[in-house]
Protein backbone atom coordinates (compact mmCIF):
# COMPACT_ATOMS: atom_id res chain seq x y z
CA UNK A 1 -21.14 46.09 -21.96
CA UNK A 2 -18.24 48.46 -21.69
CA UNK A 3 -14.82 47.80 -20.15
CA UNK A 4 -15.33 49.82 -16.94
CA UNK A 5 -18.43 47.74 -16.12
CA UNK A 6 -16.41 44.48 -16.04
CA UNK A 7 -14.75 43.84 -12.75
CA UNK A 8 -13.01 40.53 -12.04
CA UNK A 9 -12.58 39.06 -8.62
CA UNK A 10 -9.16 39.47 -7.09
CA UNK A 11 -9.40 36.63 -4.56
CA UNK A 12 -8.56 33.85 -7.08
CA UNK A 13 -5.36 35.71 -7.96
CA UNK A 14 -4.38 35.57 -4.29
CA UNK A 15 -5.73 32.20 -3.15
CA UNK A 16 -4.62 30.02 -6.08
CA UNK A 17 -0.87 30.80 -5.86
CA UNK A 18 -0.95 30.42 -2.07
CA UNK A 19 -2.72 27.07 -2.39
CA UNK A 20 -0.28 25.89 -5.08
CA UNK A 21 2.77 26.79 -2.99
CA UNK A 22 1.25 25.20 0.11
CA UNK A 23 0.47 22.01 -1.80
CA UNK A 24 4.01 21.90 -3.20
CA UNK A 25 5.59 22.08 0.26
CA UNK A 26 3.09 19.60 1.75
CA UNK A 27 3.82 17.03 -0.95
CA UNK A 28 7.56 17.60 -0.64
CA UNK A 29 7.32 17.06 3.12
CA UNK A 30 5.37 13.81 2.62
CA UNK A 31 7.81 12.55 0.00
CA UNK A 32 10.81 13.08 2.27
CA UNK A 33 9.21 11.50 5.34
CA UNK A 34 7.74 8.36 3.77
CA UNK A 35 9.89 5.22 3.88
CA UNK A 36 11.10 3.79 0.56
CA UNK A 37 8.99 1.07 -1.03
CA UNK A 38 11.37 -1.75 0.00
CA UNK A 39 11.11 -0.84 3.68
CA UNK A 40 7.35 -0.41 3.48
CA UNK A 41 6.94 -3.96 2.14
CA UNK A 42 9.02 -5.49 4.92
CA UNK A 43 7.22 -3.47 7.56
CA UNK A 44 3.84 -4.75 6.37
CA UNK A 45 2.08 -7.21 8.63
CA UNK A 46 2.42 -10.76 7.38
CA UNK A 47 -0.14 -13.41 8.12
CA UNK A 48 1.50 -16.73 8.98
CA UNK A 49 0.56 -19.60 6.72
CA UNK A 50 -1.44 -22.32 8.41
CA UNK A 51 0.70 -25.24 9.45
CA UNK A 52 0.12 -28.27 7.29
CA UNK A 53 -0.27 -31.39 9.37
CA UNK A 54 0.30 -34.69 7.64
CA UNK A 55 -2.49 -37.22 7.78
CA UNK A 56 -1.99 -39.73 10.60
CA UNK A 57 -0.81 -43.10 9.43
CA UNK A 58 -1.77 -46.45 10.83
CA UNK A 59 0.69 -47.65 13.47
CA UNK A 60 1.41 -50.91 11.59
CA UNK A 61 2.02 -49.35 8.17
CA UNK A 62 5.47 -48.48 6.90
CA UNK A 63 6.28 -44.76 6.46
CA UNK A 64 7.52 -45.36 2.89
CA UNK A 65 4.16 -46.90 1.94
CA UNK A 66 2.25 -43.72 2.85
CA UNK A 67 1.43 -41.49 -0.10
CA UNK A 68 3.30 -38.21 -0.31
CA UNK A 69 1.19 -35.18 0.63
CA UNK A 70 0.02 -33.10 -2.32
CA UNK A 71 1.65 -29.66 -2.62
CA UNK A 72 -0.43 -26.82 -1.33
CA UNK A 73 -2.05 -24.62 -3.99
CA UNK A 74 -0.60 -21.15 -4.17
């Protein structure tokens, strides 16, 4: 095969730099418009913890005699 028979495609030499520059500006735009990590954590939706209701005690028992509720597992 001689040199004049080889012919490379020119479209990669045009498309790849354009795609790289476009990607650079798109990522830069996203980086500037996203909130910092601290704000993103506070803006996240929080699910309220279920309210712990103490077990009902007998009306004649003393409140100090009731056992203390066990701490909730975390």
